[in-house]
Amino acid sequence: MKRVNTEIIEDYMKKNDMTMTAFCKFCHITTTTFKKVMANEMLTHVPLFKISVATNIPIEFLFKTVRKPKEEKKDSADDSAEK
């Protein structure tokens, strides 16, 4: 499941000393849309695309992927040595 990487947006705003309103004007999105993005409630990716274009942050960086940890595989050589 992909979620918005809000940390990268917050870091950009801090680095460039931007308020929420200034950031929204810069990216051509509304403050309501910005709040939905930050709360991970967006239904479309259009605002993320606008943020990506305005900030020059690659769109794939605006997503974070939550993955299940991989299960450890047993080596077949270890199994045969125990028998």
N, C-alpha and C. Protein backbone atom coordinates (compact mmCIF):
# COMPACT_ATOMS: atom_id res chain seq x y z
N MET A 1 0.84 -1.17 0.00
CA MET A 1 0.00 0.00 0.00
C MET A 1 0.89 1.24 0.00
N LYS A 2 0.64 2.12 -0.92
CA LYS A 2 1.46 3.33 -1.00
C LYS A 2 0.82 4.45 -0.21
N ARG A 3 1.63 5.19 0.45
CA ARG A 3 1.22 6.36 1.22
C ARG A 3 2.11 7.53 0.82
N VAL A 4 1.64 8.70 1.12
CA VAL A 4 2.40 9.91 0.81
C VAL A 4 3.54 10.06 1.82
N ASN A 5 4.70 10.38 1.31
CA ASN A 5 5.86 10.62 2.16
C ASN A 5 5.79 12.07 2.63
N THR A 6 5.05 12.30 3.70
CA THR A 6 4.83 13.66 4.19
C THR A 6 6.10 14.28 4.74
N GLU A 7 7.03 13.47 5.18
CA GLU A 7 8.27 14.00 5.73
C GLU A 7 9.06 14.78 4.69
N ILE A 8 9.09 14.29 3.47
CA ILE A 8 9.86 14.98 2.42
C ILE A 8 9.21 16.33 2.09
N ILE A 9 7.89 16.40 2.15
CA ILE A 9 7.19 17.66 1.90
C ILE A 9 7.46 18.63 3.04
N GLU A 10 7.37 18.15 4.27
CA GLU A 10 7.64 19.00 5.43
C GLU A 10 9.08 19.51 5.41
N ASP A 11 10.03 18.64 5.06
CA ASP A 11 11.43 19.05 4.98
C ASP A 11 11.64 20.12 3.92
N TYR A 12 10.97 19.98 2.78
CA TYR A 12 11.07 20.97 1.72
C TYR A 12 10.55 22.32 2.21
N MET A 13 9.43 22.29 2.90
CA MET A 13 8.84 23.53 3.41
C MET A 13 9.76 24.20 4.43
N LYS A 14 10.34 23.42 5.32
CA LYS A 14 11.26 23.98 6.32
C LYS A 14 12.52 24.53 5.67
N LYS A 15 13.07 23.77 4.74
CA LYS A 15 14.30 24.17 4.05
C LYS A 15 14.11 25.50 3.31
N ASN A 16 12.94 25.70 2.73
CA ASN A 16 12.67 26.90 1.95
C ASN A 16 11.86 27.94 2.73
N ASP A 17 11.71 27.70 4.04
CA ASP A 17 11.02 28.63 4.94
C ASP A 17 9.65 29.04 4.38
N MET A 18 8.82 28.02 4.09
CA MET A 18 7.50 28.26 3.50
C MET A 18 6.41 27.90 4.49
N THR A 19 5.37 28.72 4.51
CA THR A 19 4.18 28.39 5.28
C THR A 19 3.32 27.47 4.42
N MET A 20 2.27 26.94 5.01
CA MET A 20 1.37 26.08 4.26
C MET A 20 0.74 26.85 3.10
N THR A 21 0.31 28.09 3.36
CA THR A 21 -0.32 28.90 2.33
C THR A 21 0.65 29.20 1.19
N ALA A 22 1.88 29.56 1.55
CA ALA A 22 2.89 29.85 0.52
C ALA A 22 3.20 28.61 -0.32
N PHE A 23 3.31 27.47 0.34
CA PHE A 23 3.58 26.23 -0.37
C PHE A 23 2.44 25.89 -1.32
N CYS A 24 1.21 26.07 -0.86
CA CYS A 24 0.04 25.77 -1.70
C CYS A 24 0.00 26.68 -2.93
N LYS A 25 0.29 27.95 -2.75
CA LYS A 25 0.32 28.87 -3.89
C LYS A 25 1.44 28.49 -4.85
N PHE A 26 2.59 28.12 -4.30
CA PHE A 26 3.74 27.72 -5.10
C PHE A 26 3.42 26.50 -5.96
N CYS A 27 2.67 25.56 -5.39
CA CYS A 27 2.35 24.31 -6.09
C CYS A 27 1.01 24.35 -6.84
N HIS A 28 0.28 25.44 -6.71
CA HIS A 28 -1.02 25.61 -7.37
C HIS A 28 -2.04 24.57 -6.90
N ILE A 29 -2.09 24.38 -5.59
CA ILE A 29 -3.10 23.52 -4.98
C ILE A 29 -3.78 24.31 -3.87
N THR A 30 -4.95 23.86 -3.45
CA THR A 30 -5.66 24.55 -2.37
C THR A 30 -5.16 24.04 -1.02
N THR A 31 -5.43 24.81 0.01
CA THR A 31 -5.02 24.38 1.35
C THR A 31 -5.79 23.14 1.78
N THR A 32 -7.03 23.03 1.35
CA THR A 32 -7.83 21.82 1.66
C THR A 32 -7.18 20.59 1.03
N THR A 33 -6.77 20.72 -0.21
CA THR A 33 -6.09 19.61 -0.89
C THR A 33 -4.79 19.26 -0.19
N PHE A 34 -4.04 20.29 0.22
CA PHE A 34 -2.78 20.07 0.93
C PHE A 34 -3.02 19.29 2.22
N LYS A 35 -4.05 19.66 2.96
CA LYS A 35 -4.36 18.96 4.21
C LYS A 35 -4.73 17.51 3.94
N LYS A 36 -5.45 17.25 2.85
CA LYS A 36 -5.80 15.88 2.49
C LYS A 36 -4.56 15.08 2.10
N VAL A 37 -3.65 15.70 1.38
CA VAL A 37 -2.40 15.04 1.00
C VAL A 37 -1.63 14.65 2.25
N MET A 38 -1.51 15.60 3.17
CA MET A 38 -0.73 15.35 4.39
C MET A 38 -1.39 14.33 5.31
N ALA A 39 -2.72 14.19 5.20
CA ALA A 39 -3.44 13.21 6.01
C ALA A 39 -3.61 11.87 5.27
N ASN A 40 -2.99 11.76 4.10
CA ASN A 40 -3.09 10.54 3.28
C ASN A 40 -4.53 10.22 2.90
N GLU A 41 -5.31 11.23 2.58
CA GLU A 41 -6.71 11.03 2.20
C GLU A 41 -6.97 11.36 0.74
N MET A 42 -5.93 11.55 -0.05
CA MET A 42 -6.13 11.91 -1.46
C MET A 42 -6.62 10.73 -2.26
N LEU A 43 -7.58 10.99 -3.14
CA LEU A 43 -8.10 9.94 -4.00
C LEU A 43 -7.43 9.94 -5.37
N THR A 44 -6.83 11.07 -5.74
CA THR A 44 -6.14 11.16 -7.03
C THR A 44 -4.68 11.54 -6.80
N HIS A 45 -3.88 11.36 -7.85
CA HIS A 45 -2.47 11.69 -7.76
C HIS A 45 -2.14 13.04 -8.38
N VAL A 46 -3.14 13.76 -8.86
CA VAL A 46 -2.92 15.05 -9.51
C VAL A 46 -2.22 16.04 -8.58
N PRO A 47 -2.66 16.21 -7.33
CA PRO A 47 -1.94 17.14 -6.46
C PRO A 47 -0.49 16.74 -6.22
N LEU A 48 -0.22 15.46 -6.13
CA LEU A 48 1.15 15.00 -5.95
C LEU A 48 1.99 15.31 -7.18
N PHE A 49 1.38 15.20 -8.34
CA PHE A 49 2.09 15.56 -9.57
C PHE A 49 2.41 17.05 -9.58
N LYS A 50 1.47 17.88 -9.16
CA LYS A 50 1.70 19.32 -9.10
C LYS A 50 2.82 19.65 -8.10
N ILE A 51 2.81 18.98 -6.96
CA ILE A 51 3.86 19.19 -5.96
C ILE A 51 5.21 18.76 -6.53
N SER A 52 5.22 17.64 -7.22
CA SER A 52 6.45 17.12 -7.81
C SER A 52 7.03 18.09 -8.83
N VAL A 53 6.18 18.62 -9.70
CA VAL A 53 6.64 19.55 -10.74
C VAL A 53 7.15 20.85 -10.12
N ALA A 54 6.42 21.39 -9.16
CA ALA A 54 6.79 22.67 -8.57
C ALA A 54 8.08 22.58 -7.75
N THR A 55 8.27 21.48 -7.05
CA THR A 55 9.41 21.36 -6.14
C THR A 55 10.61 20.64 -6.75
N ASN A 56 10.44 20.09 -7.94
CA ASN A 56 11.49 19.29 -8.60
C ASN A 56 11.86 18.06 -7.79
N ILE A 57 10.92 17.54 -7.04
CA ILE A 57 11.10 16.28 -6.32
C ILE A 57 10.49 15.19 -7.19
N PRO A 58 11.26 14.17 -7.54
CA PRO A 58 10.69 13.09 -8.36
C PRO A 58 9.44 12.49 -7.69
N ILE A 59 8.43 12.22 -8.49
CA ILE A 59 7.15 11.77 -7.94
C ILE A 59 7.29 10.47 -7.15
N GLU A 60 8.22 9.62 -7.53
CA GLU A 60 8.38 8.36 -6.79
C GLU A 60 8.89 8.60 -5.38
N PHE A 61 9.56 9.72 -5.14
CA PHE A 61 10.02 10.06 -3.79
C PHE A 61 8.87 10.54 -2.90
N LEU A 62 7.76 10.94 -3.52
CA LEU A 62 6.61 11.42 -2.74
C LEU A 62 5.76 10.27 -2.22
N PHE A 63 6.10 9.06 -2.62
CA PHE A 63 5.41 7.88 -2.12
C PHE A 63 6.35 7.09 -1.22
N LYS A 64 5.78 6.48 -0.20
CA LYS A 64 6.56 5.52 0.57
C LYS A 64 5.78 4.22 0.54
N THR A 65 6.50 3.15 0.41
CA THR A 65 5.87 1.85 0.29
C THR A 65 6.00 1.10 1.61
N VAL A 66 4.89 0.59 2.07
CA VAL A 66 4.89 -0.21 3.28
C VAL A 66 4.89 -1.67 2.84
N ARG A 67 5.94 -2.37 3.22
CA ARG A 67 6.07 -3.77 2.80
C ARG A 67 6.13 -4.68 4.02
N LYS A 68 5.67 -5.89 3.82
CA LYS A 68 5.78 -6.89 4.88
C LYS A 68 7.23 -7.37 4.93
N PRO A 69 7.73 -7.65 6.12
CA PRO A 69 9.10 -8.17 6.20
C PRO A 69 9.20 -9.52 5.50
N LYS A 70 10.34 -9.75 4.87
CA LYS A 70 10.55 -11.02 4.16
C LYS A 70 10.79 -12.13 5.15
N GLU A 71 10.26 -13.29 4.82
CA GLU A 71 10.48 -14.46 5.66
C GLU A 71 11.85 -15.04 5.31
N GLU A 72 12.53 -15.54 6.33
CA GLU A 72 13.83 -16.14 6.10
C GLU A 72 13.66 -17.49 5.42
N LYS A 73 14.53 -17.73 4.45
CA LYS A 73 14.48 -19.01 3.74
C LYS A 73 15.45 -19.98 4.40
N LYS A 74 15.03 -21.22 4.49
CA LYS A 74 15.91 -22.25 5.03
C LYS A 74 16.77 -22.79 3.90
N ASP A 75 18.04 -23.00 4.20
CA ASP A 75 18.93 -23.57 3.21
C ASP A 75 18.70 -25.09 3.16
N SER A 76 18.61 -25.61 1.97
CA SER A 76 18.40 -27.05 1.82
C SER A 76 19.64 -27.82 2.27
N ALA A 77 20.82 -27.22 2.18
CA ALA A 77 22.04 -27.89 2.63
C ALA A 77 22.03 -28.06 4.14
N ASP A 78 21.50 -27.08 4.86
CA ASP A 78 21.41 -27.16 6.32
C ASP A 78 20.44 -28.26 6.73
N ASP A 79 19.35 -28.39 6.00
CA ASP A 79 18.36 -29.43 6.31
C ASP A 79 18.94 -30.83 6.09
N SER A 80 19.68 -31.03 5.03
CA SER A 80 20.22 -32.35 4.75
C SER A 80 21.36 -32.71 5.72
N ALA A 81 22.08 -31.73 6.20
CA ALA A 81 23.17 -31.97 7.14
C ALA A 81 22.64 -32.42 8.49
N GLU A 82 21.43 -31.95 8.86
CA GLU A 82 20.85 -32.31 10.15
C GLU A 82 20.30 -33.72 10.16
N LYS A 83 19.97 -34.27 9.00
CA LYS A 83 19.35 -35.60 8.92
C LYS A 83 20.33 -36.70 9.07
